[in-house]
Protein backbone atom coordinates (compact mmCIF):
# COMPACT_ATOMS: atom_id res chain seq x y z
CA MET A 1 -43.04 2.35 -5.17
CA ASP A 2 -39.14 3.42 -4.10
CA SER A 3 -38.38 5.50 -0.90
CA HIS A 4 -38.21 8.51 -3.29
CA GLU A 5 -41.57 7.84 -4.75
CA GLN A 6 -43.07 7.36 -1.37
CA LEU A 7 -41.88 10.63 0.33
CA PHE A 8 -42.80 12.19 -3.16
CA ALA A 9 -46.37 10.93 -2.59
CA LYS A 10 -46.76 12.64 0.77
CA ILE A 11 -45.01 15.57 -0.65
CA GLN A 12 -47.96 15.90 -2.74
CA LEU A 13 -49.94 14.89 -0.07
CA LEU A 14 -49.23 17.83 2.19
CA ASN A 15 -49.16 20.29 -1.22
CA SER A 16 -52.73 19.01 -2.03
CA MET A 17 -54.11 19.71 1.82
CA ALA A 18 -52.64 23.12 1.64
CA GLY A 19 -54.26 23.59 -1.31
CA GLN A 20 -57.66 22.66 0.10
CA ILE A 21 -56.73 24.98 3.46
CA ILE A 22 -56.36 27.53 0.89
CA ALA A 23 -59.34 26.99 -0.56
CA TYR A 24 -61.33 26.54 2.44
CA GLY A 25 -59.97 29.93 3.89
CA GLU A 26 -60.74 32.05 0.32
CA GLN A 27 -64.39 30.15 0.89
CA CYS A 28 -64.76 31.79 3.91
CA GLY A 29 -63.40 35.17 3.15
CA ALA A 30 -59.68 35.54 2.80
CA SER A 31 -59.75 36.50 -0.77
CA GLY A 32 -56.14 36.70 -2.09
CA LEU A 33 -55.06 33.91 0.13
CA SER A 34 -53.67 31.72 -3.18
CA ASP A 35 -52.10 34.19 -4.22
CA TYR A 36 -50.36 35.45 -1.18
CA VAL A 37 -49.05 31.84 -0.51
CA ASP A 38 -47.72 31.51 -4.19
CA MET A 39 -46.13 34.57 -4.13
CA ASN A 40 -44.19 33.79 -0.58
CA CYS A 41 -43.94 30.37 -1.20
CA GLY A 42 -43.61 28.95 -5.04
CA GLY A 43 -45.45 25.93 -6.25
CA ILE A 44 -44.86 22.52 -7.04
CA PRO A 45 -45.24 21.22 -10.67
CA ASP A 46 -48.25 19.38 -11.67
CA GLY A 47 -47.51 15.72 -12.77
CA GLU A 48 -46.25 12.43 -11.95
CA TYR A 49 -43.39 11.45 -10.14
CA VAL A 50 -40.67 10.63 -13.21
CA GLN A 51 -42.16 13.87 -14.77
CA VAL A 52 -41.24 16.74 -11.85
CA VAL A 53 -38.33 15.05 -10.18
CA ASP A 54 -34.91 15.13 -12.01
CA GLN A 55 -33.92 11.23 -11.86
CA THR A 56 -30.17 12.39 -11.64
CA ALA A 57 -30.49 14.46 -8.45
CA PRO A 58 -33.86 13.05 -7.05
CA GLU A 59 -32.81 13.78 -3.42
CA GLN A 60 -32.59 17.31 -4.30
CA PHE A 61 -35.79 18.14 -5.83
CA LEU A 62 -37.41 16.17 -3.44
CA SER A 63 -35.92 18.72 -1.23
CA MET A 64 -36.79 21.41 -2.59
CA TYR A 65 -40.58 20.07 -3.07
CA GLN A 66 -40.56 19.41 0.36
CA LYS A 67 -39.82 22.78 2.01
CA ILE A 68 -42.01 24.49 -0.73
CA ALA A 69 -45.40 21.98 0.38
CA GLU A 70 -43.79 22.62 4.34
CA ASN A 71 -43.86 26.60 3.74
CA ARG A 72 -47.67 26.59 1.66
CA PHE A 73 -49.25 24.44 4.53
CA SER A 74 -47.83 26.15 7.09
CA LEU A 75 -48.32 29.82 5.40
CA ALA A 76 -51.83 29.30 5.38
CA VAL A 77 -52.79 27.80 8.51
CA LYS A 78 -50.62 30.42 9.99
CA THR A 79 -52.28 33.21 8.04
CA LEU A 80 -55.95 31.81 8.30
CA VAL A 81 -55.68 31.49 12.17
CA LYS A 82 -53.88 34.62 12.74
CA ALA A 83 -57.17 36.29 10.89
CA ASN A 84 -59.37 34.44 13.11
CA PRO A 85 -58.27 31.61 15.81
CA ALA A 86 -61.97 29.81 14.86
CA PHE A 87 -60.33 28.43 11.55
CA LEU A 88 -58.07 26.36 14.11
CA GLU A 89 -61.20 24.11 14.89
CA PRO A 90 -61.76 22.90 11.38
CA ILE A 91 -58.34 22.46 10.02
CA GLU A 92 -57.23 20.50 12.46
CA GLU A 93 -60.36 17.87 12.01
CA TYR A 94 -59.29 18.17 8.52
CA CYS A 95 -56.24 17.34 9.04
CA GLU A 96 -57.09 14.97 11.46
CA ARG A 97 -59.60 13.07 8.89
CA ASP A 98 -57.09 13.71 5.65
CA GLY A 99 -53.64 13.68 6.90
CA ALA A 100 -52.35 10.59 9.15
CA ASP A 101 -49.81 10.61 6.23
CA CYS A 102 -48.75 14.03 6.82
CA ARG A 103 -48.95 14.53 10.54
CA ASP A 104 -45.81 14.76 11.27
CA TRP A 105 -45.59 18.18 8.87
CA TRP A 106 -48.97 19.55 10.18
CA GLU A 107 -48.57 18.79 13.67
CA SER A 108 -45.56 21.35 13.79
CA CYS A 109 -47.61 23.99 11.80
CA LEU A 110 -50.56 23.93 14.27
CA PRO A 111 -50.47 26.37 17.73
CA ARG A 112 -50.16 24.91 20.40
CA GLY A 113 -52.26 27.13 22.56
CA LYS A 114 -55.15 25.47 22.56
CA ASP A 115 -54.28 22.41 23.76
CA ASN A 116 -52.26 23.88 26.40
CA GLU A 117 -54.92 26.34 27.83
CA HIS A 118 -56.39 24.53 30.45
CA SER A 119 -53.15 23.50 31.86
CA ASP A 120 -51.08 24.73 34.82
């Protein structure tokens, strides 16, 4: 697997995690979250690397897909946490358990206040 395919796999993981968080939110009463994220962030086509990434310009496609996945993840997390701060704990647990390959992306999306609440 070359570096472009590795990046695509990470993008797919982050996008999948965003989808799982969206589904969780909707199951917990945030109806319409999927439509809201889709309308504000767009989506990444389903398929394998060679099917969805133009091989004549892989950097451009990967950059676009990375931004979409980051935006979808960020919007889903921020929307749920804003609606109810109690969502933060299960989202953090899910990310720790399933998202080690995307840690740098998802950490930038999680609010920092929880860890810093007790520090002076």
